[in-house]
C-alpha atoms as a PDB file:
ATOM      1  CA  UNK A   1      35.803 -93.805-104.235  1.00  0.00           C
ATOM      2  CA  UNK A   2      39.595 -92.271-104.726  1.00  0.00           C
ATOM      3  CA  UNK A   3      38.286 -90.628-108.192  1.00  0.00           C
ATOM      4  CA  UNK A   4      35.047 -89.122-106.155  1.00  0.00           C
ATOM      5  CA  UNK A   5      38.237 -88.522-103.300  1.00  0.00           C
ATOM      6  CA  UNK A   6      40.166 -86.436-106.073  1.00  0.00           C
ATOM      7  CA  UNK A   7      37.490 -84.499-107.566  1.00  0.00           C
ATOM      8  CA  UNK A   8      36.905 -83.304-103.942  1.00  0.00           C
ATOM      9  CA  UNK A   9      39.978 -82.143-103.014  1.00  0.00           C
ATOM     10  CA  UNK A  10      40.586 -80.697-105.938  1.00  0.00           C
ATOM     11  CA  UNK A  11      37.516 -78.321-106.053  1.00  0.00           C
ATOM     12  CA  UNK A  12      38.432 -77.700-101.787  1.00  0.00           C
ATOM     13  CA  UNK A  13      42.130 -75.814-103.570  1.00  0.00           C
ATOM     14  CA  UNK A  14      39.964 -74.426-106.490  1.00  0.00           C
ATOM     15  CA  UNK A  15      37.735 -72.725-104.261  1.00  0.00           C
ATOM     16  CA  UNK A  16      40.383 -72.056-101.926  1.00  0.00           C
ATOM     17  CA  UNK A  17      42.141 -70.310-104.403  1.00  0.00           C
ATOM     18  CA  UNK A  18      39.222 -68.182-106.015  1.00  0.00           C
ATOM     19  CA  UNK A  19      38.264 -67.037-102.232  1.00  0.00           C
ATOM     20  CA  UNK A  20      41.733 -65.874-102.030  1.00  0.00           C
ATOM     21  CA  UNK A  21      41.291 -63.938-105.404  1.00  0.00           C
ATOM     22  CA  UNK A  22      38.472 -62.440-103.685  1.00  0.00           C
ATOM     23  CA  UNK A  23      39.712 -61.399-101.079  1.00  0.00           C
ATOM     24  CA  UNK A  24      42.366 -59.775-103.077  1.00  0.00           C
ATOM     25  CA  UNK A  25      40.271 -58.074-105.205  1.00  0.00           C
ATOM     26  CA  UNK A  26      38.565 -56.953-102.473  1.00  0.00           C
ATOM     27  CA  UNK A  27      41.511 -55.369-100.579  1.00  0.00           C
ATOM     28  CA  UNK A  28      42.433 -54.374-104.468  1.00  0.00           C
ATOM     29  CA  UNK A  29      39.157 -51.812-104.272  1.00  0.00           C
ATOM     30  CA  UNK A  30      39.258 -50.550-101.292  1.00  0.00           C
ATOM     31  CA  UNK A  31      42.711 -49.296-101.409  1.00  0.00           C
ATOM     32  CA  UNK A  32      41.750 -47.687-104.746  1.00  0.00           C
ATOM     33  CA  UNK A  33      38.643 -46.251-103.315  1.00  0.00           C
ATOM     34  CA  UNK A  34      40.560 -44.660-100.162  1.00  0.00           C
ATOM     35  CA  UNK A  35      43.408 -43.646-102.334  1.00  0.00           C
ATOM     36  CA  UNK A  36      40.723 -42.199-104.489  1.00  0.00           C
ATOM     37  CA  UNK A  37      39.144 -40.386-101.333  1.00  0.00           C
ATOM     38  CA  UNK A  38      41.953 -38.934-100.402  1.00  0.00           C
ATOM     39  CA  UNK A  39      42.465 -37.340-104.538  1.00  0.00           C
ATOM     40  CA  UNK A  40      39.262 -36.148-104.188  1.00  0.00           C
ATOM     41  CA  UNK A  41      39.278 -34.306-101.175  1.00  0.00           C
ATOM     42  CA  UNK A  42      42.536 -32.410-101.994  1.00  0.00           C
ATOM     43  CA  UNK A  43      40.500 -31.097-105.606  1.00  0.00           C
ATOM     44  CA  UNK A  44      36.949 -30.791-103.117  1.00  0.00           C
ATOM     45  CA  UNK A  45      39.475 -28.413-100.807  1.00  0.00           C
ATOM     46  CA  UNK A  46      40.852 -26.477-104.168  1.00  0.00           C
ATOM     47  CA  UNK A  47      37.429 -26.271-105.595  1.00  0.00           C
ATOM     48  CA  UNK A  48      35.758 -24.599-102.249  1.00  0.00           C
ATOM     49  CA  UNK A  49      37.851 -22.229-101.536  1.00  0.00           C
ATOM     50  CA  UNK A  50      37.816 -21.261-105.500  1.00  0.00           C
ATOM     51  CA  UNK A  51      34.121 -21.150-105.567  1.00  0.00           C
ATOM     52  CA  UNK A  52      33.044 -20.117-102.160  1.00  0.00           C
ATOM     53  CA  UNK A  53      31.341 -16.809-103.121  1.00  0.00           C
ATOM     54  CA  UNK A  54      29.565 -19.020-106.291  1.00  0.00           C
ATOM     55  CA  UNK A  55      26.168 -20.004-105.089  1.00  0.00           C
ATOM     56  CA  UNK A  56      26.171 -21.293-109.121  1.00  0.00           C
ATOM     57  CA  UNK A  57      29.285 -23.886-109.552  1.00  0.00           C
ATOM     58  CA  UNK A  58      28.409 -24.878-106.104  1.00  0.00           C
ATOM     59  CA  UNK A  59      25.676 -26.375-107.218  1.00  0.00           C
ATOM     60  CA  UNK A  60      27.163 -27.184-109.632  1.00  0.00           C
ATOM     61  CA  UNK A  61      30.046 -29.310-109.066  1.00  0.00           C
ATOM     62  CA  UNK A  62      27.919 -30.537-105.611  1.00  0.00           C
ATOM     63  CA  UNK A  63      30.442 -29.072-103.912  1.00  0.00           C
ATOM     64  CA  UNK A  64      27.978 -28.859-100.519  1.00  0.00           C
ATOM     65  CA  UNK A  65      28.201 -31.164 -97.373  1.00  0.00           C
ATOM     66  CA  UNK A  66      29.992 -34.503 -97.161  1.00  0.00           C
ATOM     67  CA  UNK A  67      30.134 -37.317 -99.677  1.00  0.00           C
ATOM     68  CA  UNK A  68      28.117 -40.409 -98.771  1.00  0.00           C
ATOM     69  CA  UNK A  69      30.215 -43.228 -97.139  1.00  0.00           C
ATOM     70  CA  UNK A  70      27.819 -45.210 -99.809  1.00  0.00           C
ATOM     71  CA  UNK A  71      29.957 -46.565-103.053  1.00  0.00           C
ATOM     72  CA  UNK A  72      27.893 -46.158-105.206  1.00  0.00           C
ATOM     73  CA  UNK A  73      25.984 -42.712-104.112  1.00  0.00           C
ATOM     74  CA  UNK A  74      30.632 -41.208-103.286  1.00  0.00           C
ATOM     75  CA  UNK A  75      30.977 -42.708-106.602  1.00  0.00           C
ATOM     76  CA  UNK A  76      28.407 -40.857-108.362  1.00  0.00           C
ATOM     77  CA  UNK A  77      28.660 -37.753-107.031  1.00  0.00           C
ATOM     78  CA  UNK A  78      32.758 -37.992-107.284  1.00  0.00           C
ATOM     79  CA  UNK A  79      32.025 -38.381-110.927  1.00  0.00           C
ATOM     80  CA  UNK A  80      29.840 -35.371-111.449  1.00  0.00           C
ATOM     81  CA  UNK A  81      32.184 -33.517-109.796  1.00  0.00           C
ATOM     82  CA  UNK A  82      35.368 -34.402-112.488  1.00  0.00           C
ATOM     83  CA  UNK A  83      33.309 -34.656-115.551  1.00  0.00           C
ATOM     84  CA  UNK A  84      31.351 -30.971-114.454  1.00  0.00           C
ATOM     85  CA  UNK A  85      35.642 -29.486-114.039  1.00  0.00           C
ATOM     86  CA  UNK A  86      36.862 -31.369-117.342  1.00  0.00           C
ATOM     87  CA  UNK A  87      33.764 -30.243-119.369  1.00  0.00           C
ATOM     88  CA  UNK A  88      33.671 -26.837-118.580  1.00  0.00           C
ATOM     89  CA  UNK A  89      37.567 -24.967-119.325  1.00  0.00           C
ATOM     90  CA  UNK A  90      36.407 -21.956-117.720  1.00  0.00           C
ATOM     91  CA  UNK A  91      36.147 -24.241-114.383  1.00  0.00           C
ATOM     92  CA  UNK A  92      39.393 -25.306-114.882  1.00  0.00           C
ATOM     93  CA  UNK A  93      40.993 -21.816-115.749  1.00  0.00           C
ATOM     94  CA  UNK A  94      39.674 -21.019-112.420  1.00  0.00           C
ATOM     95  CA  UNK A  95      40.573 -24.024-109.933  1.00  0.00           C
ATOM     96  CA  UNK A  96      44.419 -24.319-112.459  1.00  0.00           C
ATOM     97  CA  UNK A  97      46.468 -21.927-110.522  1.00  0.00           C
ATOM     98  CA  UNK A  98      45.352 -23.118-106.665  1.00  0.00           C
ATOM     99  CA  UNK A  99      46.708 -26.542-108.085  1.00  0.00           C
ATOM    100  CA  UNK A 100      43.549 -28.048-109.534  1.00  0.00           C
ATOM    101  CA  UNK A 101      45.306 -28.805-112.794  1.00  0.00           C
ATOM    102  CA  UNK A 102      43.256 -30.067-116.144  1.00  0.00           C
ATOM    103  CA  UNK A 103      46.305 -33.035-115.717  1.00  0.00           C
ATOM    104  CA  UNK A 104      44.965 -33.937-111.522  1.00  0.00           C
ATOM    105  CA  UNK A 105      41.621 -33.406-113.135  1.00  0.00           C
ATOM    106  CA  UNK A 106      42.138 -36.291-115.332  1.00  0.00           C
ATOM    107  CA  UNK A 107      44.221 -38.062-112.448  1.00  0.00           C
ATOM    108  CA  UNK A 108      40.661 -37.909-110.510  1.00  0.00           C
ATOM    109  CA  UNK A 109      38.962 -39.914-113.510  1.00  0.00           C
ATOM    110  CA  UNK A 110      41.117 -42.805-114.338  1.00  0.00           C
ATOM    111  CA  UNK A 111      40.957 -43.436-110.779  1.00  0.00           C
ATOM    112  CA  UNK A 112      37.044 -43.599-111.153  1.00  0.00           C
ATOM    113  CA  UNK A 113      37.363 -46.032-113.484  1.00  0.00           C
ATOM    114  CA  UNK A 114      40.585 -48.271-111.810  1.00  0.00           C
ATOM    115  CA  UNK A 115      37.883 -48.114-108.964  1.00  0.00           C
ATOM    116  CA  UNK A 116      34.948 -49.459-111.264  1.00  0.00           C
ATOM    117  CA  UNK A 117      37.468 -52.036-113.048  1.00  0.00           C
ATOM    118  CA  UNK A 118      37.334 -53.148-109.118  1.00  0.00           C
ATOM    119  CA  UNK A 119      34.482 -53.604-108.414  1.00  0.00           C
ATOM    120  CA  UNK A 120      33.674 -55.292-111.330  1.00  0.00           C
ATOM    121  CA  UNK A 121      36.548 -57.616-110.583  1.00  0.00           C
ATOM    122  CA  UNK A 122      34.885 -57.776-107.075  1.00  0.00           C
ATOM    123  CA  UNK A 123      31.585 -59.074-108.002  1.00  0.00           C
ATOM    124  CA  UNK A 124      33.224 -61.333-110.812  1.00  0.00           C
ATOM    125  CA  UNK A 125      35.117 -62.739-108.178  1.00  0.00           C
ATOM    126  CA  UNK A 126      31.959 -63.208-105.427  1.00  0.00           C
ATOM    127  CA  UNK A 127      30.499 -64.998-108.185  1.00  0.00           C
ATOM    128  CA  UNK A 128      33.436 -67.804-109.249  1.00  0.00           C
ATOM    129  CA  UNK A 129      33.675 -68.126-105.493  1.00  0.00           C
ATOM    130  CA  UNK A 130      30.194 -68.645-104.853  1.00  0.00           C
ATOM    131  CA  UNK A 131      29.871 -71.339-107.678  1.00  0.00           C
ATOM    132  CA  UNK A 132      32.681 -72.761-106.375  1.00  0.00           C
ATOM    133  CA  UNK A 133      31.809 -72.943-102.907  1.00  0.00           C
ATOM    134  CA  UNK A 134      28.551 -74.956-104.671  1.00  0.00           C
ATOM    135  CA  UNK A 135      30.342 -77.228-106.426  1.00  0.00           C
ATOM    136  CA  UNK A 136      32.281 -78.274-103.859  1.00  0.00           C
ATOM    137  CA  UNK A 137      29.650 -79.161-101.031  1.00  0.00           C
ATOM    138  CA  UNK A 138      28.274 -80.849-103.887  1.00  0.00           C
ATOM    139  CA  UNK A 139      31.581 -83.199-104.146  1.00  0.00           C
ATOM    140  CA  UNK A 140      32.057 -83.610-100.327  1.00  0.00           C
ATOM    141  CA  UNK A 141      28.298 -84.975-100.579  1.00  0.00           C
ATOM    142  CA  UNK A 142      29.024 -87.618-103.479  1.00  0.00           C
ATOM    143  CA  UNK A 143      32.010 -88.684-101.234  1.00  0.00           C
ATOM    144  CA  UNK A 144      30.267 -88.841 -98.277  1.00  0.00           C
ATOM    145  CA  UNK A 145      27.124 -90.887 -99.934  1.00  0.00           C
ATOM    146  CA  UNK A 146      29.027 -93.374-101.648  1.00  0.00           C
ATOM    147  CA  UNK A 147      30.969 -94.009 -98.222  1.00  0.00           C
ATOM    148  CA  UNK A 148      28.067 -94.739 -96.498  1.00  0.00           C
ATOM    149  CA  UNK A 149      27.370 -96.980 -99.439  1.00  0.00           C
ATOM    150  CA  UNK A 150      31.339 -98.359 -99.450  1.00  0.00           C
ATOM    151  CA  UNK A 151      31.219 -98.999 -95.051  1.00  0.00           C
ATOM    152  CA  UNK A 152      27.492-101.261 -96.394  1.00  0.00           C
ATOM    153  CA  UNK A 153      28.753-103.538 -97.875  1.00  0.00           C
ATOM    154  CA  UNK A 154      32.947-103.916 -95.836  1.00  0.00           C
ATOM    155  CA  UNK A 155      30.230-104.660 -92.901  1.00  0.00           C
ATOM    156  CA  UNK A 156      28.897-107.262 -94.652  1.00  0.00           C
ATOM    157  CA  UNK A 157      31.528-108.279 -96.285  1.00  0.00           C
ATOM    158  CA  UNK A 158      33.570-108.353 -93.293  1.00  0.00           C
ATOM    159  CA  UNK A 159      31.410-108.947 -91.028  1.00  0.00           C
ATOM    160  CA  UNK A 160      33.360-112.672 -90.142  1.00  0.00           C
ATOM    161  CA  UNK A 161      36.630-110.796 -90.209  1.00  0.00           C
ATOM    162  CA  UNK A 162      36.218-107.422 -87.786  1.00  0.00           C
ATOM    163  CA  UNK A 163      40.668-107.043 -88.062  1.00  0.00           C
ATOM    164  CA  UNK A 164      39.872-105.923 -91.627  1.00  0.00           C
ATOM    165  CA  UNK A 165      37.395-104.204 -90.858  1.00  0.00           C
ATOM    166  CA  UNK A 166      39.405-102.583 -88.023  1.00  0.00           C
ATOM    167  CA  UNK A 167      42.276-102.132 -90.777  1.00  0.00           C
ATOM    168  CA  UNK A 168      39.928-100.081 -93.126  1.00  0.00           C
ATOM    169  CA  UNK A 169      38.902 -98.034 -89.980  1.00  0.00           C
ATOM    170  CA  UNK A 170      35.249 -98.585 -90.614  1.00  0.00           C
ATOM    171  CA  UNK A 171      34.236 -99.568 -86.561  1.00  0.00           C
ATOM    172  CA  UNK A 172      33.112-102.495 -85.789  1.00  0.00           C
ATOM    173  CA  UNK A 173      29.163-102.702 -84.653  1.00  0.00           C
END
């Protein structure tokens, strides 16, 4: 019984730790995404200004409209924007004079890499949180089954000594 109790208590602590790590990973992801969005907005503003009369560049860099609020779509859109600028030196030269330097483009790409790492970490923690919750629940179910058997045996063993049952915390029928 004590082994089952210790196992359940340890798994409960482990599940709490895993849940905390999952929340921390999600918070880091959201903070880095917000930072990346802010960085992107300034870069988009410059690119839209520089290429305002060039429909081909507008299309190539996907400067039309708003970027999606869905992460996957936003990520792909942003990736095309930064890599489109990085892979075309003539575009870099056009935007560099307005503040969108090659270093700033690389910072945008680094932010995307950080976001991808954060997203993988979030997904990993989500899976481990689910696994630890399942293990915790199984441990508590095993402890509960043991306690049912223990109470039954104790009631039979101490049938004529209700004070001993009470000291064990088992109500008498």
